[in-house]
Amino acid sequence: MKLPRLFSLLPLFLLTAVFPAAPVSFGATRSAPPNILFFFTDDQRNNTLGCAGHPIIKTPHIDRLAAQGVRFENAFVQHSICWVNRTTILTGLTARSFGEKTNPDAATAASLANLFPDRLGEAGDRTGFYGKWHAKMPKDFAPEDHFDEFEKIFR
């Protein structure tokens, strides 16, 4: 499944598509499971989006997505380095938990045993990654093995 090139025009580095997703609440039933798209912008302050009220910056594509979906307005990072936050999202662990004392920014092999795309895949969901990978992983780690579709894009 290839995404339209429109997505490459957005200032995004992570796109995870899940098809289908499990019900959000226990006992929930519905006729068709939702599709979930997770957009994560890179190195961007919380107020540098039109949908966040910035008076000058224009981000019409992101604004439209925010209006039609869910935008986290009160999210915080535990470490202000982009690759650390990407690894936190993938593992669910903070840098203190996924790194080593001598190299806290890089993930250990043990910390990569329980990635969220793996859990979604085990539940029967399809996952995809399109964008900037840039995460410090062990040399033998193959991120493409953890997604049904994978296309990393470098700067």
Protein backbone atom coordinates (compact mmCIF):
# COMPACT_ATOMS: atom_id res chain seq x y z
CA MET A 1 0.00 0.00 0.00
CA LYS A 2 1.60 3.26 -1.12
CA LEU A 3 0.44 6.58 0.25
CA PRO A 4 -0.16 9.51 -2.08
CA ARG A 5 2.77 11.90 -2.40
CA LEU A 6 0.62 14.55 -0.67
CA PHE A 7 1.79 13.05 2.59
CA SER A 8 5.43 13.72 1.73
CA LEU A 9 4.58 17.44 1.61
CA LEU A 10 3.56 17.51 5.26
CA PRO A 11 6.25 18.22 7.89
CA LEU A 12 5.84 14.80 9.39
CA PHE A 13 8.29 12.09 10.25
CA LEU A 14 6.09 9.33 11.55
CA LEU A 15 2.94 7.92 10.10
CA THR A 16 1.60 4.75 11.54
CA ALA A 17 -1.51 3.35 9.93
CA VAL A 18 -3.44 0.67 11.74
CA PHE A 19 -6.06 -1.33 9.82
CA PRO A 20 -8.29 -2.30 11.67
CA ALA A 21 -8.00 -1.27 15.33
CA ALA A 22 -9.39 -2.95 18.41
CA PRO A 23 -12.35 -1.35 20.23
CA VAL A 24 -11.23 1.42 22.56
CA SER A 25 -13.44 0.53 25.52
CA PHE A 26 -14.14 -2.86 27.05
CA GLY A 27 -17.28 -4.48 25.73
CA ALA A 28 -17.58 -1.94 22.91
CA THR A 29 -19.11 -3.19 19.72
CA ARG A 30 -19.33 -1.55 16.34
CA SER A 31 -20.04 -2.58 12.79
CA ALA A 32 -16.65 -1.57 11.36
CA PRO A 33 -13.40 -1.01 13.25
CA PRO A 34 -11.87 2.44 12.73
CA ASN A 35 -8.73 3.23 10.82
CA ILE A 36 -6.15 5.03 12.94
CA LEU A 37 -3.50 7.35 11.52
CA PHE A 38 -0.85 8.59 13.93
CA PHE A 39 0.96 11.74 12.75
CA PHE A 40 3.95 12.92 14.71
CA THR A 41 5.66 16.15 13.68
CA ASP A 42 9.36 16.63 14.29
CA ASP A 43 11.11 19.31 16.35
CA GLN A 44 8.08 21.53 16.59
CA ARG A 45 7.01 23.67 19.51
CA ASN A 46 3.45 23.23 20.69
CA ASN A 47 2.38 26.65 19.41
CA THR A 48 3.79 26.43 15.86
CA LEU A 49 0.60 25.22 14.23
CA GLY A 50 -2.31 27.18 12.84
CA CYS A 51 -4.71 24.93 14.77
CA ALA A 52 -2.87 25.87 17.98
CA GLY A 53 -3.61 29.53 17.34
CA HIS A 54 -0.33 30.77 15.85
CA PRO A 55 -1.10 34.12 14.19
CA ILE A 56 1.48 33.85 11.36
CA ILE A 57 2.36 30.22 10.66
CA LYS A 58 -0.01 28.53 8.20
CA THR A 59 -0.37 24.74 8.42
CA PRO A 60 -3.59 24.03 6.49
CA HIS A 61 -3.08 20.28 6.03
CA ILE A 62 -2.28 19.66 9.68
CA ASP A 63 -5.09 22.01 10.74
CA ARG A 64 -7.59 20.01 8.67
CA LEU A 65 -6.37 16.72 10.15
CA ALA A 66 -6.58 18.19 13.66
CA ALA A 67 -10.12 19.41 13.05
CA GLN A 68 -11.26 15.99 11.82
CA GLY A 69 -9.39 13.87 14.37
CA VAL A 70 -7.81 14.08 17.81
CA ARG A 71 -5.05 16.55 18.61
CA PHE A 72 -3.18 16.18 21.86
CA GLU A 73 -3.10 19.70 23.27
CA ASN A 74 -1.39 18.92 26.56
CA ALA A 75 1.42 16.48 25.76
CA PHE A 76 4.92 16.66 27.20
CA VAL A 77 8.28 15.13 26.39
CA GLN A 78 10.56 13.58 28.95
CA HIS A 79 13.69 14.28 26.93
CA SER A 80 13.92 17.09 24.39
CA ILE A 81 15.79 15.10 21.75
CA CYS A 82 13.78 13.87 18.76
CA TRP A 83 15.13 10.31 18.45
CA VAL A 84 14.64 9.70 22.18
CA ASN A 85 10.96 10.62 21.88
CA ARG A 86 10.52 8.41 18.82
CA THR A 87 11.95 5.47 20.76
CA THR A 88 9.72 6.29 23.74
CA ILE A 89 6.65 6.12 21.48
CA LEU A 90 7.74 2.79 19.95
CA THR A 91 8.67 1.14 23.26
CA GLY A 92 6.47 2.87 25.82
CA LEU A 93 9.63 3.38 27.90
CA THR A 94 11.49 6.52 28.90
CA ALA A 95 15.15 7.02 27.97
CA ARG A 96 16.08 6.09 31.51
CA SER A 97 14.38 2.73 30.93
CA PHE A 98 15.33 1.89 27.32
CA GLY A 99 18.95 3.07 27.32
CA GLU A 100 22.15 2.12 29.11
CA LYS A 101 23.95 4.24 31.70
CA THR A 102 26.86 4.82 29.32
CA ASN A 103 24.58 5.55 26.33
CA PRO A 104 21.10 6.57 27.58
CA ASP A 105 19.87 7.82 24.18
CA ALA A 106 20.28 4.49 22.38
CA ALA A 107 17.82 1.64 22.89
CA THR A 108 19.03 -1.70 24.15
CA ALA A 109 18.01 -4.90 22.37
CA ALA A 110 16.00 -5.98 25.44
CA SER A 111 13.95 -2.76 25.39
CA LEU A 112 12.84 -3.45 21.80
CA ALA A 113 11.15 -6.76 22.64
CA ASN A 114 7.70 -5.18 23.19
CA LEU A 115 7.12 -2.53 20.50
CA PHE A 116 3.62 -1.17 19.98
CA PRO A 117 3.46 -2.10 16.26
CA ASP A 118 4.30 -5.70 17.23
CA ARG A 119 1.47 -5.78 19.78
CA LEU A 120 -0.96 -4.36 17.21
CA GLY A 121 0.14 -6.95 14.66
CA GLU A 122 -0.38 -9.75 17.18
CA ALA A 123 -3.94 -8.45 17.68
CA GLY A 124 -4.58 -8.76 13.95
CA ASP A 125 -4.04 -5.13 12.99
CA ARG A 126 -2.02 -4.01 9.97
CA THR A 127 0.64 -1.39 10.61
CA GLY A 128 2.70 0.85 8.41
CA PHE A 129 5.50 3.34 8.88
CA TYR A 130 6.27 6.10 6.40
CA GLY A 131 8.72 8.88 7.18
CA LYS A 132 11.78 9.78 9.16
CA TRP A 133 13.00 6.82 11.19
CA HIS A 134 16.06 8.39 12.89
CA ALA A 135 16.15 6.42 16.13
CA LYS A 136 19.26 5.03 17.79
CA MET A 137 18.83 1.27 17.73
CA PRO A 138 21.24 -1.67 17.95
CA LYS A 139 23.09 -2.34 14.68
CA ASP A 140 21.18 -5.58 14.01
CA PHE A 141 17.71 -4.06 14.61
CA ALA A 142 15.56 -4.11 11.46
CA PRO A 143 12.60 -1.74 11.88
CA GLU A 144 10.96 -3.02 8.68
CA ASP A 145 10.41 -6.36 10.46
CA HIS A 146 7.98 -4.66 12.87
CA PHE A 147 5.55 -3.19 10.33
CA ASP A 148 3.48 -4.62 7.49
CA GLU A 149 4.47 -1.66 5.31
CA PHE A 150 7.70 0.27 5.88
CA GLU A 151 9.31 3.12 4.01
CA LYS A 152 11.77 5.32 5.83
CA ILE A 153 12.68 8.69 4.41
CA PHE A 154 15.90 10.46 5.29
CA ARG A 155 16.50 14.21 5.36
